[in-house]
Amino acid sequence: MARANLAAVPDGAKAPAKPKSVAEAAKSGTHRELLVAMRDRVATAVNNPECPPRDLASLTKRLADLAKEIEASDSRAMDDPTVYARKLEAALRSVAPDHELLVGVDEFDDRFDASAV
């Protein structure tokens, strides 16, 4: 029997957001959310046994292209130091909210305040 991947959930943790549909992502989502919604929709079509063979090749190609585009988008985001710092901080907060690096830090704030200068 296969064992499910289980992880401890910190107190106050929120459930992951439900993925948006293609229409929702197109209307009010980010570019990445749109790519993920399209990837999921194409994957559902490819996985459907009723998918016509004439469509399978183009859908499979599109699925691979979407996966590459999402990966490229994620890697570009990680090249941005601000995005990278936010992800590191969020990861640290999720596993050790009382870590010494987080003491006295409410949330990562990169907004510029000209009056502070």
PDB file of N, CA and C in Angstrom:
ATOM      1  N   MET A   1       0.839  -1.186   0.000  1.00  0.00           N
ATOM      2  CA  MET A   1       0.000   0.000   0.000  1.00  0.00           C
ATOM      3  C   MET A   1       0.879   1.242   0.000  1.00  0.00           C
ATOM      4  N   ALA A   2       0.608   2.165  -0.898  1.00  0.00           N
ATOM      5  CA  ALA A   2       1.390   3.392  -0.998  1.00  0.00           C
ATOM      6  C   ALA A   2       1.059   4.317   0.157  1.00  0.00           C
ATOM      7  N   ARG A   3       2.087   4.969   0.661  1.00  0.00           N
ATOM      8  CA  ARG A   3       1.896   5.881   1.779  1.00  0.00           C
ATOM      9  C   ARG A   3       1.741   7.307   1.254  1.00  0.00           C
ATOM     10  N   ALA A   4       0.735   7.989   1.721  1.00  0.00           N
ATOM     11  CA  ALA A   4       0.486   9.367   1.276  1.00  0.00           C
ATOM     12  C   ALA A   4       1.551  10.286   1.856  1.00  0.00           C
ATOM     13  N   ASN A   5       1.914  11.322   1.106  1.00  0.00           N
ATOM     14  CA  ASN A   5       2.858  12.321   1.611  1.00  0.00           C
ATOM     15  C   ASN A   5       2.119  13.217   2.592  1.00  0.00           C
ATOM     16  N   LEU A   6       2.553  13.154   3.846  1.00  0.00           N
ATOM     17  CA  LEU A   6       1.922  13.950   4.886  1.00  0.00           C
ATOM     18  C   LEU A   6       2.928  14.943   5.429  1.00  0.00           C
ATOM     19  N   ALA A   7       2.439  16.083   5.865  1.00  0.00           N
ATOM     20  CA  ALA A   7       3.314  17.094   6.444  1.00  0.00           C
ATOM     21  C   ALA A   7       2.576  17.760   7.598  1.00  0.00           C
ATOM     22  N   ALA A   8       3.355  18.207   8.583  1.00  0.00           N
ATOM     23  CA  ALA A   8       2.766  18.935   9.706  1.00  0.00           C
ATOM     24  C   ALA A   8       2.293  20.295   9.209  1.00  0.00           C
ATOM     25  N   VAL A   9       1.155  20.701   9.699  1.00  0.00           N
ATOM     26  CA  VAL A   9       0.592  21.997   9.305  1.00  0.00           C
ATOM     27  C   VAL A   9       0.690  22.928  10.502  1.00  0.00           C
ATOM     28  N   PRO A  10       1.354  24.088  10.330  1.00  0.00           N
ATOM     29  CA  PRO A  10       1.466  25.011  11.451  1.00  0.00           C
ATOM     30  C   PRO A  10       0.104  25.577  11.848  1.00  0.00           C
ATOM     31  N   ASP A  11      -0.013  25.963  13.118  1.00  0.00           N
ATOM     32  CA  ASP A  11      -1.252  26.577  13.585  1.00  0.00           C
ATOM     33  C   ASP A  11      -1.537  27.833  12.777  1.00  0.00           C
ATOM     34  N   GLY A  12      -2.783  28.031  12.422  1.00  0.00           N
ATOM     35  CA  GLY A  12      -3.183  29.213  11.671  1.00  0.00           C
ATOM     36  C   GLY A  12      -2.908  29.134  10.190  1.00  0.00           C
ATOM     37  N   ALA A  13      -2.425  27.990   9.724  1.00  0.00           N
ATOM     38  CA  ALA A  13      -2.140  27.849   8.294  1.00  0.00           C
ATOM     39  C   ALA A  13      -3.448  27.816   7.515  1.00  0.00           C
ATOM     40  N   LYS A  14      -3.418  28.408   6.340  1.00  0.00           N
ATOM     41  CA  LYS A  14      -4.605  28.436   5.493  1.00  0.00           C
ATOM     42  C   LYS A  14      -4.502  27.347   4.438  1.00  0.00           C
ATOM     43  N   ALA A  15      -5.639  26.838   4.036  1.00  0.00           N
ATOM     44  CA  ALA A  15      -5.670  25.859   2.952  1.00  0.00           C
ATOM     45  C   ALA A  15      -5.252  26.536   1.655  1.00  0.00           C
ATOM     46  N   PRO A  16      -4.579  25.799   0.771  1.00  0.00           N
ATOM     47  CA  PRO A  16      -4.202  26.411  -0.507  1.00  0.00           C
ATOM     48  C   PRO A  16      -5.443  26.894  -1.258  1.00  0.00           C
ATOM     49  N   ALA A  17      -5.273  27.981  -1.961  1.00  0.00           N
ATOM     50  CA  ALA A  17      -6.392  28.539  -2.720  1.00  0.00           C
ATOM     51  C   ALA A  17      -6.794  27.586  -3.846  1.00  0.00           C
ATOM     52  N   LYS A  18      -8.092  27.515  -4.086  1.00  0.00           N
ATOM     53  CA  LYS A  18      -8.599  26.685  -5.175  1.00  0.00           C
ATOM     54  C   LYS A  18      -8.136  27.287  -6.499  1.00  0.00           C
ATOM     55  N   PRO A  19      -7.592  26.453  -7.383  1.00  0.00           N
ATOM     56  CA  PRO A  19      -7.137  27.005  -8.667  1.00  0.00           C
ATOM     57  C   PRO A  19      -8.285  27.674  -9.423  1.00  0.00           C
ATOM     58  N   LYS A  20      -7.956  28.747 -10.128  1.00  0.00           N
ATOM     59  CA  LYS A  20      -8.968  29.466 -10.898  1.00  0.00           C
ATOM     60  C   LYS A  20      -9.252  28.734 -12.202  1.00  0.00           C
ATOM     61  N   SER A  21     -10.455  28.922 -12.701  1.00  0.00           N
ATOM     62  CA  SER A  21     -10.789  28.404 -14.028  1.00  0.00           C
ATOM     63  C   SER A  21     -10.096  29.290 -15.056  1.00  0.00           C
ATOM     64  N   VAL A  22     -10.080  28.843 -16.293  1.00  0.00           N
ATOM     65  CA  VAL A  22      -9.458  29.648 -17.349  1.00  0.00           C
ATOM     66  C   VAL A  22     -10.166  31.000 -17.454  1.00  0.00           C
ATOM     67  N   ALA A  23     -11.484  30.999 -17.404  1.00  0.00           N
ATOM     68  CA  ALA A  23     -12.233  32.256 -17.513  1.00  0.00           C
ATOM     69  C   ALA A  23     -11.936  33.186 -16.338  1.00  0.00           C
ATOM     70  N   GLU A  24     -11.893  32.647 -15.112  1.00  0.00           N
ATOM     71  CA  GLU A  24     -11.595  33.466 -13.932  1.00  0.00           C
ATOM     72  C   GLU A  24     -10.179  34.036 -14.009  1.00  0.00           C
ATOM     73  N   ALA A  25      -9.228  33.190 -14.397  1.00  0.00           N
ATOM     74  CA  ALA A  25      -7.835  33.635 -14.486  1.00  0.00           C
ATOM     75  C   ALA A  25      -7.662  34.691 -15.573  1.00  0.00           C
ATOM     76  N   ALA A  26      -8.373  34.531 -16.685  1.00  0.00           N
ATOM     77  CA  ALA A  26      -8.275  35.509 -17.766  1.00  0.00           C
ATOM     78  C   ALA A  26      -8.867  36.850 -17.340  1.00  0.00           C
ATOM     79  N   LYS A  27      -9.930  36.792 -16.557  1.00  0.00           N
ATOM     80  CA  LYS A  27     -10.619  38.021 -16.156  1.00  0.00           C
ATOM     81  C   LYS A  27      -9.901  38.742 -15.019  1.00  0.00           C
ATOM     82  N   SER A  28      -9.458  37.991 -13.993  1.00  0.00           N
ATOM     83  CA  SER A  28      -8.947  38.686 -12.812  1.00  0.00           C
ATOM     84  C   SER A  28      -7.684  38.068 -12.225  1.00  0.00           C
ATOM     85  N   GLY A  29      -7.037  37.197 -12.951  1.00  0.00           N
ATOM     86  CA  GLY A  29      -5.852  36.552 -12.406  1.00  0.00           C
ATOM     87  C   GLY A  29      -4.561  37.118 -12.955  1.00  0.00           C
ATOM     88  N   THR A  30      -3.466  36.594 -12.432  1.00  0.00           N
ATOM     89  CA  THR A  30      -2.152  36.974 -12.928  1.00  0.00           C
ATOM     90  C   THR A  30      -1.857  36.168 -14.195  1.00  0.00           C
ATOM     91  N   HIS A  31      -0.785  36.538 -14.865  1.00  0.00           N
ATOM     92  CA  HIS A  31      -0.385  35.799 -16.069  1.00  0.00           C
ATOM     93  C   HIS A  31      -0.081  34.342 -15.703  1.00  0.00           C
ATOM     94  N   ARG A  32       0.580  34.125 -14.575  1.00  0.00           N
ATOM     95  CA  ARG A  32       0.906  32.770 -14.150  1.00  0.00           C
ATOM     96  C   ARG A  32      -0.370  31.968 -13.860  1.00  0.00           C
ATOM     97  N   GLU A  33      -1.331  32.590 -13.194  1.00  0.00           N
ATOM     98  CA  GLU A  33      -2.592  31.897 -12.907  1.00  0.00           C
ATOM     99  C   GLU A  33      -3.294  31.494 -14.201  1.00  0.00           C
ATOM    100  N   LEU A  34      -3.223  32.349 -15.209  1.00  0.00           N
ATOM    101  CA  LEU A  34      -3.821  32.019 -16.500  1.00  0.00           C
ATOM    102  C   LEU A  34      -3.097  30.830 -17.129  1.00  0.00           C
ATOM    103  N   LEU A  35      -1.778  30.844 -17.093  1.00  0.00           N
ATOM    104  CA  LEU A  35      -1.010  29.724 -17.648  1.00  0.00           C
ATOM    105  C   LEU A  35      -1.333  28.418 -16.929  1.00  0.00           C
ATOM    106  N   VAL A  36      -1.424  28.467 -15.613  1.00  0.00           N
ATOM    107  CA  VAL A  36      -1.732  27.266 -14.826  1.00  0.00           C
ATOM    108  C   VAL A  36      -3.138  26.768 -15.144  1.00  0.00           C
ATOM    109  N   ALA A  37      -4.093  27.681 -15.248  1.00  0.00           N
ATOM    110  CA  ALA A  37      -5.471  27.285 -15.572  1.00  0.00           C
ATOM    111  C   ALA A  37      -5.543  26.646 -16.953  1.00  0.00           C
ATOM    112  N   MET A  38      -4.833  27.228 -17.916  1.00  0.00           N
ATOM    113  CA  MET A  38      -4.825  26.645 -19.265  1.00  0.00           C
ATOM    114  C   MET A  38      -4.140  25.278 -19.255  1.00  0.00           C
ATOM    115  N   ARG A  39      -3.019  25.167 -18.516  1.00  0.00           N
ATOM    116  CA  ARG A  39      -2.332  23.882 -18.415  1.00  0.00           C
ATOM    117  C   ARG A  39      -3.261  22.808 -17.840  1.00  0.00           C
ATOM    118  N   ASP A  40      -3.965  23.160 -16.770  1.00  0.00           N
ATOM    119  CA  ASP A  40      -4.872  22.196 -16.147  1.00  0.00           C
ATOM    120  C   ASP A  40      -5.996  21.801 -17.092  1.00  0.00           C
ATOM    121  N   ARG A  41      -6.513  22.769 -17.830  1.00  0.00           N
ATOM    122  CA  ARG A  41      -7.611  22.485 -18.766  1.00  0.00           C
ATOM    123  C   ARG A  41      -7.138  21.585 -19.906  1.00  0.00           C
ATOM    124  N   VAL A  42      -5.966  21.877 -20.448  1.00  0.00           N
ATOM    125  CA  VAL A  42      -5.422  21.056 -21.532  1.00  0.00           C
ATOM    126  C   VAL A  42      -5.090  19.660 -21.013  1.00  0.00           C
ATOM    127  N   ALA A  43      -4.548  19.563 -19.803  1.00  0.00           N
ATOM    128  CA  ALA A  43      -4.225  18.259 -19.219  1.00  0.00           C
ATOM    129  C   ALA A  43      -5.486  17.419 -19.047  1.00  0.00           C
ATOM    130  N   THR A  44      -6.584  18.051 -18.654  1.00  0.00           N
ATOM    131  CA  THR A  44      -7.852  17.337 -18.514  1.00  0.00           C
ATOM    132  C   THR A  44      -8.307  16.795 -19.868  1.00  0.00           C
ATOM    133  N   ALA A  45      -8.161  17.598 -20.906  1.00  0.00           N
ATOM    134  CA  ALA A  45      -8.556  17.159 -22.251  1.00  0.00           C
ATOM    135  C   ALA A  45      -7.671  16.014 -22.736  1.00  0.00           C
ATOM    136  N   VAL A  46      -6.361  16.106 -22.495  1.00  0.00           N
ATOM    137  CA  VAL A  46      -5.437  15.051 -22.920  1.00  0.00           C
ATOM    138  C   VAL A  46      -5.729  13.750 -22.180  1.00  0.00           C
ATOM    139  N   ASN A  47      -6.082  13.858 -20.919  1.00  0.00           N
ATOM    140  CA  ASN A  47      -6.337  12.682 -20.088  1.00  0.00           C
ATOM    141  C   ASN A  47      -7.678  12.016 -20.393  1.00  0.00           C
ATOM    142  N   ASN A  48      -8.557  12.712 -21.076  1.00  0.00           N
ATOM    143  CA  ASN A  48      -9.881  12.189 -21.377  1.00  0.00           C
ATOM    144  C   ASN A  48      -9.775  11.089 -22.444  1.00  0.00           C
ATOM    145  N   PRO A  49     -10.252   9.881 -22.145  1.00  0.00           N
ATOM    146  CA  PRO A  49     -10.186   8.803 -23.136  1.00  0.00           C
ATOM    147  C   PRO A  49     -11.002   9.108 -24.392  1.00  0.00           C
ATOM    148  N   GLU A  50     -11.935  10.019 -24.299  1.00  0.00           N
ATOM    149  CA  GLU A  50     -12.769  10.397 -25.445  1.00  0.00           C
ATOM    150  C   GLU A  50     -12.101  11.445 -26.337  1.00  0.00           C
ATOM    151  N   CYS A  51     -10.898  11.892 -25.957  1.00  0.00           N
ATOM    152  CA  CYS A  51     -10.201  12.912 -26.749  1.00  0.00           C
ATOM    153  C   CYS A  51      -9.901  12.348 -28.137  1.00  0.00           C
ATOM    154  N   PRO A  52     -10.341  13.044 -29.180  1.00  0.00           N
ATOM    155  CA  PRO A  52     -10.098  12.547 -30.539  1.00  0.00           C
ATOM    156  C   PRO A  52      -8.599  12.449 -30.829  1.00  0.00           C
ATOM    157  N   PRO A  53      -8.161  11.350 -31.442  1.00  0.00           N
ATOM    158  CA  PRO A  53      -6.736  11.174 -31.754  1.00  0.00           C
ATOM    159  C   PRO A  53      -6.163  12.327 -32.585  1.00  0.00           C
ATOM    160  N   ARG A  54      -6.961  12.930 -33.435  1.00  0.00           N
ATOM    161  CA  ARG A  54      -6.466  14.031 -34.268  1.00  0.00           C
ATOM    162  C   ARG A  54      -6.102  15.240 -33.418  1.00  0.00           C
ATOM    163  N   ASP A  55      -6.706  15.378 -32.234  1.00  0.00           N
ATOM    164  CA  ASP A  55      -6.433  16.512 -31.354  1.00  0.00           C
ATOM    165  C   ASP A  55      -5.318  16.223 -30.351  1.00  0.00           C
ATOM    166  N   LEU A  56      -5.041  14.961 -30.114  1.00  0.00           N
ATOM    167  CA  LEU A  56      -4.124  14.574 -29.048  1.00  0.00           C
ATOM    168  C   LEU A  56      -2.713  15.136 -29.259  1.00  0.00           C
ATOM    169  N   ALA A  57      -2.195  15.078 -30.472  1.00  0.00           N
ATOM    170  CA  ALA A  57      -0.834  15.563 -30.722  1.00  0.00           C
ATOM    171  C   ALA A  57      -0.714  17.062 -30.441  1.00  0.00           C
ATOM    172  N   SER A  58      -1.655  17.856 -30.942  1.00  0.00           N
ATOM    173  CA  SER A  58      -1.568  19.305 -30.734  1.00  0.00           C
ATOM    174  C   SER A  58      -1.798  19.672 -29.266  1.00  0.00           C
ATOM    175  N   LEU A  59      -2.702  18.950 -28.603  1.00  0.00           N
ATOM    176  CA  LEU A  59      -2.944  19.219 -27.182  1.00  0.00           C
ATOM    177  C   LEU A  59      -1.720  18.859 -26.340  1.00  0.00           C
ATOM    178  N   THR A  60      -1.085  17.736 -26.669  1.00  0.00           N
ATOM    179  CA  THR A  60       0.101  17.310 -25.935  1.00  0.00           C
ATOM    180  C   THR A  60       1.229  18.324 -26.130  1.00  0.00           C
ATOM    181  N   LYS A  61       1.391  18.805 -27.334  1.00  0.00           N
ATOM    182  CA  LYS A  61       2.410  19.824 -27.618  1.00  0.00           C
ATOM    183  C   LYS A  61       2.114  21.104 -26.833  1.00  0.00           C
ATOM    184  N   ARG A  62       0.868  21.510 -26.842  1.00  0.00           N
ATOM    185  CA  ARG A  62       0.478  22.726 -26.106  1.00  0.00           C
ATOM    186  C   ARG A  62       0.699  22.543 -24.605  1.00  0.00           C
ATOM    187  N   LEU A  63       0.416  21.357 -24.094  1.00  0.00           N
ATOM    188  CA  LEU A  63       0.627  21.070 -22.674  1.00  0.00           C
ATOM    189  C   LEU A  63       2.106  21.211 -22.316  1.00  0.00           C
ATOM    190  N   ALA A  64       2.980  20.658 -23.153  1.00  0.00           N
ATOM    191  CA  ALA A  64       4.422  20.774 -22.920  1.00  0.00           C
ATOM    192  C   ALA A  64       4.868  22.235 -22.992  1.00  0.00           C
ATOM    193  N   ASP A  65       4.343  22.988 -23.951  1.00  0.00           N
ATOM    194  CA  ASP A  65       4.691  24.409 -24.084  1.00  0.00           C
ATOM    195  C   ASP A  65       4.260  25.212 -22.861  1.00  0.00           C
ATOM    196  N   LEU A  66       3.056  24.934 -22.366  1.00  0.00           N
ATOM    197  CA  LEU A  66       2.558  25.642 -21.179  1.00  0.00           C
ATOM    198  C   LEU A  66       3.421  25.318 -19.964  1.00  0.00           C
ATOM    199  N   ALA A  67       3.799  24.053 -19.806  1.00  0.00           N
ATOM    200  CA  ALA A  67       4.643  23.659 -18.677  1.00  0.00           C
ATOM    201  C   ALA A  67       5.984  24.393 -18.733  1.00  0.00           C
ATOM    202  N   LYS A  68       6.576  24.483 -19.927  1.00  0.00           N
ATOM    203  CA  LYS A  68       7.848  25.200 -20.081  1.00  0.00           C
ATOM    204  C   LYS A  68       7.680  26.688 -19.781  1.00  0.00           C
ATOM    205  N   GLU A  69       6.580  27.266 -20.220  1.00  0.00           N
ATOM    206  CA  GLU A  69       6.344  28.693 -19.988  1.00  0.00           C
ATOM    207  C   GLU A  69       6.156  28.986 -18.503  1.00  0.00           C
ATOM    208  N   ILE A  70       5.460  28.099 -17.791  1.00  0.00           N
ATOM    209  CA  ILE A  70       5.287  28.266 -16.345  1.00  0.00           C
ATOM    210  C   ILE A  70       6.639  28.153 -15.640  1.00  0.00           C
ATOM    211  N   GLU A  71       7.419  27.163 -16.035  1.00  0.00           N
ATOM    212  CA  GLU A  71       8.738  26.980 -15.433  1.00  0.00           C
ATOM    213  C   GLU A  71       9.632  28.197 -15.691  1.00  0.00           C
ATOM    214  N   ALA A  72       9.607  28.729 -16.904  1.00  0.00           N
ATOM    215  CA  ALA A  72      10.410  29.908 -17.232  1.00  0.00           C
ATOM    216  C   ALA A  72       9.947  31.118 -16.432  1.00  0.00           C
ATOM    217  N   SER A  73       8.643  31.262 -16.288  1.00  0.00           N
ATOM    218  CA  SER A  73       8.090  32.368 -15.512  1.00  0.00           C
ATOM    219  C   SER A  73       8.528  32.274 -14.056  1.00  0.00           C
ATOM    220  N   ASP A  74       8.474  31.063 -13.500  1.00  0.00           N
ATOM    221  CA  ASP A  74       8.889  30.866 -12.114  1.00  0.00           C
ATOM    222  C   ASP A  74      10.376  31.140 -11.928  1.00  0.00           C
ATOM    223  N   SER A  75      11.179  30.731 -12.893  1.00  0.00           N
ATOM    224  CA  SER A  75      12.617  30.956 -12.760  1.00  0.00           C
ATOM    225  C   SER A  75      12.950  32.442 -12.899  1.00  0.00           C
ATOM    226  N   ARG A  76      12.234  33.167 -13.758  1.00  0.00           N
ATOM    227  CA  ARG A  76      12.436  34.619 -13.857  1.00  0.00           C
ATOM    228  C   ARG A  76      12.053  35.297 -12.545  1.00  0.00           C
ATOM    229  N   ALA A  77      10.979  34.814 -11.929  1.00  0.00           N
ATOM    230  CA  ALA A  77      10.543  35.401 -10.661  1.00  0.00           C
ATOM    231  C   ALA A  77      11.589  35.170  -9.577  1.00  0.00           C
ATOM    232  N   MET A  78      12.235  34.009  -9.607  1.00  0.00           N
ATOM    233  CA  MET A  78      13.251  33.720  -8.602  1.00  0.00           C
ATOM    234  C   MET A  78      14.516  34.557  -8.824  1.00  0.00           C
ATOM    235  N   ASP A  79      14.714  35.062 -10.047  1.00  0.00           N
ATOM    236  CA  ASP A  79      15.860  35.925 -10.316  1.00  0.00           C
ATOM    237  C   ASP A  79      15.661  37.319  -9.719  1.00  0.00           C
ATOM    238  N   ASP A  80      14.414  37.688  -9.456  1.00  0.00           N
ATOM    239  CA  ASP A  80      14.112  38.979  -8.842  1.00  0.00           C
ATOM    240  C   ASP A  80      14.395  38.859  -7.339  1.00  0.00           C
ATOM    241  N   PRO A  81      15.348  39.629  -6.806  1.00  0.00           N
ATOM    242  CA  PRO A  81      15.706  39.490  -5.395  1.00  0.00           C
ATOM    243  C   PRO A  81      14.540  39.735  -4.440  1.00  0.00           C
ATOM    244  N   THR A  82      13.659  40.651  -4.777  1.00  0.00           N
ATOM    245  CA  THR A  82      12.522  40.933  -3.902  1.00  0.00           C
ATOM    246  C   THR A  82      11.588  39.732  -3.828  1.00  0.00           C
ATOM    247  N   VAL A  83      11.288  39.148  -4.968  1.00  0.00           N
ATOM    248  CA  VAL A  83      10.416  37.970  -4.997  1.00  0.00           C
ATOM    249  C   VAL A  83      11.082  36.822  -4.252  1.00  0.00           C
ATOM    250  N   TYR A  84      12.381  36.642  -4.493  1.00  0.00           N
ATOM    251  CA  TYR A  84      13.115  35.563  -3.833  1.00  0.00           C
ATOM    252  C   TYR A  84      13.101  35.751  -2.317  1.00  0.00           C
ATOM    253  N   ALA A  85      13.314  36.984  -1.855  1.00  0.00           N
ATOM    254  CA  ALA A  85      13.313  37.264  -0.414  1.00  0.00           C
ATOM    255  C   ALA A  85      11.940  36.993   0.194  1.00  0.00           C
ATOM    256  N   ARG A  86      10.884  37.371  -0.510  1.00  0.00           N
ATOM    257  CA  ARG A  86       9.525  37.107  -0.006  1.00  0.00           C
ATOM    258  C   ARG A  86       9.260  35.610   0.122  1.00  0.00           C
ATOM    259  N   LYS A  87       9.692  34.844  -0.879  1.00  0.00           N
ATOM    260  CA  LYS A  87       9.472  33.396  -0.832  1.00  0.00           C
ATOM    261  C   LYS A  87      10.273  32.758   0.290  1.00  0.00           C
ATOM    262  N   LEU A  88      11.511  33.205   0.476  1.00  0.00           N
ATOM    263  CA  LEU A  88      12.319  32.670   1.574  1.00  0.00           C
ATOM    264  C   LEU A  88      11.700  33.015   2.926  1.00  0.00           C
ATOM    265  N   GLU A  89      11.255  34.252   3.067  1.00  0.00           N
ATOM    266  CA  GLU A  89      10.644  34.664   4.329  1.00  0.00           C
ATOM    267  C   GLU A  89       9.370  33.866   4.601  1.00  0.00           C
ATOM    268  N   ALA A  90       8.539  33.695   3.580  1.00  0.00           N
ATOM    269  CA  ALA A  90       7.298  32.928   3.750  1.00  0.00           C
ATOM    270  C   ALA A  90       7.602  31.478   4.125  1.00  0.00           C
ATOM    271  N   ALA A  91       8.621  30.904   3.500  1.00  0.00           N
ATOM    272  CA  ALA A  91       8.992  29.526   3.816  1.00  0.00           C
ATOM    273  C   ALA A  91       9.483  29.419   5.255  1.00  0.00           C
ATOM    274  N   LEU A  92      10.304  30.376   5.680  1.00  0.00           N
ATOM    275  CA  LEU A  92      10.808  30.365   7.052  1.00  0.00           C
ATOM    276  C   LEU A  92       9.668  30.544   8.043  1.00  0.00           C
ATOM    277  N   ARG A  93       8.733  31.452   7.735  1.00  0.00           N
ATOM    278  CA  ARG A  93       7.575  31.648   8.626  1.00  0.00           C
ATOM    279  C   ARG A  93       6.733  30.382   8.752  1.00  0.00           C
ATOM    280  N   SER A  94       6.629  29.623   7.664  1.00  0.00           N
ATOM    281  CA  SER A  94       5.780  28.428   7.708  1.00  0.00           C
ATOM    282  C   SER A  94       6.389  27.313   8.551  1.00  0.00           C
ATOM    283  N   VAL A  95       7.724  27.242   8.626  1.00  0.00           N
ATOM    284  CA  VAL A  95       8.346  26.161   9.397  1.00  0.00           C
ATOM    285  C   VAL A  95       8.834  26.608  10.765  1.00  0.00           C
ATOM    286  N   ALA A  96       9.178  27.883  10.906  1.00  0.00           N
ATOM    287  CA  ALA A  96       9.694  28.374  12.189  1.00  0.00           C
ATOM    288  C   ALA A  96       9.273  29.826  12.400  1.00  0.00           C
ATOM    289  N   PRO A  97       7.996  30.044  12.749  1.00  0.00           N
ATOM    290  CA  PRO A  97       7.508  31.422  12.860  1.00  0.00           C
ATOM    291  C   PRO A  97       8.227  32.251  13.934  1.00  0.00           C
ATOM    292  N   ASP A  98       8.881  31.593  14.897  1.00  0.00           N
ATOM    293  CA  ASP A  98       9.585  32.318  15.960  1.00  0.00           C
ATOM    294  C   ASP A  98      11.092  32.357  15.734  1.00  0.00           C
ATOM    295  N   HIS A  99      11.525  32.094  14.518  1.00  0.00           N
ATOM    296  CA  HIS A  99      12.958  32.072  14.220  1.00  0.00           C
ATOM    297  C   HIS A  99      13.578  33.432  14.498  1.00  0.00           C
ATOM    298  N   GLU A 100      14.843  33.418  14.933  1.00  0.00           N
ATOM    299  CA  GLU A 100      15.522  34.668  15.306  1.00  0.00           C
ATOM    300  C   GLU A 100      15.619  35.666  14.158  1.00  0.00           C
ATOM    301  N   LEU A 101      15.627  35.196  12.919  1.00  0.00           N
ATOM    302  CA  LEU A 101      15.670  36.120  11.782  1.00  0.00           C
ATOM    303  C   LEU A 101      14.355  36.866  11.590  1.00  0.00           C
ATOM    304  N   LEU A 102      13.278  36.347  12.182  1.00  0.00           N
ATOM    305  CA  LEU A 102      11.974  36.968  12.019  1.00  0.00           C
ATOM    306  C   LEU A 102      11.566  37.815  13.221  1.00  0.00           C
ATOM    307  N   VAL A 103      12.371  37.803  14.283  1.00  0.00           N
ATOM    308  CA  VAL A 103      12.026  38.551  15.487  1.00  0.00           C
ATOM    309  C   VAL A 103      12.002  40.039  15.166  1.00  0.00           C
ATOM    310  N   GLY A 104      10.896  40.675  15.460  1.00  0.00           N
ATOM    311  CA  GLY A 104      10.748  42.104  15.207  1.00  0.00           C
ATOM    312  C   GLY A 104      10.395  42.447  13.775  1.00  0.00           C
ATOM    313  N   VAL A 105      10.189  41.451  12.947  1.00  0.00           N
ATOM    314  CA  VAL A 105       9.829  41.685  11.551  1.00  0.00           C
ATOM    315  C   VAL A 105       8.385  41.258  11.369  1.00  0.00           C
ATOM    316  N   ASP A 106       7.532  42.205  10.996  1.00  0.00           N
ATOM    317  CA  ASP A 106       6.129  41.859  10.792  1.00  0.00           C
ATOM    318  C   ASP A 106       5.969  41.083   9.497  1.00  0.00           C
ATOM    319  N   GLU A 107       6.219  41.690   8.412  1.00  0.00           N
ATOM    320  CA  GLU A 107       6.148  41.085   7.079  1.00  0.00           C
ATOM    321  C   GLU A 107       7.195  41.765   6.224  1.00  0.00           C
ATOM    322  N   PHE A 108       7.633  41.092   5.176  1.00  0.00           N
ATOM    323  CA  PHE A 108       8.585  41.703   4.248  1.00  0.00           C
ATOM    324  C   PHE A 108       7.898  42.897   3.595  1.00  0.00           C
ATOM    325  N   ASP A 109       8.534  44.056   3.666  1.00  0.00           N
ATOM    326  CA  ASP A 109       7.939  45.261   3.116  1.00  0.00           C
ATOM    327  C   ASP A 109       8.970  45.971   2.250  1.00  0.00           C
ATOM    328  N   ASP A 110       8.734  45.983   0.953  1.00  0.00           N
ATOM    329  CA  ASP A 110       9.676  46.609   0.036  1.00  0.00           C
ATOM    330  C   ASP A 110       9.142  47.930  -0.513  1.00  0.00           C
ATOM    331  N   ARG A 111       8.079  48.454   0.105  1.00  0.00           N
ATOM    332  CA  ARG A 111       7.523  49.727  -0.366  1.00  0.00           C
ATOM    333  C   ARG A 111       8.466  50.861   0.042  1.00  0.00           C
ATOM    334  N   PHE A 112       8.641  51.797  -0.847  1.00  0.00           N
ATOM    335  CA  PHE A 112       9.498  52.950  -0.587  1.00  0.00           C
ATOM    336  C   PHE A 112       8.677  54.049   0.054  1.00  0.00           C
ATOM    337  N   ASP A 113       9.194  54.586   1.143  1.00  0.00           N
ATOM    338  CA  ASP A 113       8.531  55.693   1.826  1.00  0.00           C
ATOM    339  C   ASP A 113       9.465  56.900   1.774  1.00  0.00           C
ATOM    340  N   ALA A 114       9.172  57.842   0.900  1.00  0.00           N
ATOM    341  CA  ALA A 114      10.038  59.004   0.708  1.00  0.00           C
ATOM    342  C   ALA A 114      10.121  59.859   1.977  1.00  0.00           C
ATOM    343  N   SER A 115       9.096  59.862   2.803  1.00  0.00           N
ATOM    344  CA  SER A 115       9.124  60.673   4.002  1.00  0.00           C
ATOM    345  C   SER A 115      10.093  60.135   5.049  1.00  0.00           C
ATOM    346  N   ALA A 116      10.515  58.900   4.904  1.00  0.00           N
ATOM    347  CA  ALA A 116      11.443  58.313   5.850  1.00  0.00           C
ATOM    348  C   ALA A 116      12.877  58.764   5.583  1.00  0.00           C
ATOM    349  N   VAL A 117      13.107  59.368   4.432  1.00  0.00           N
ATOM    350  CA  VAL A 117      14.482  59.789   4.075  1.00  0.00           C
ATOM    351  C   VAL A 117      14.777  61.163   4.589  1.00  0.00           C
TER     352      VAL A 117
END
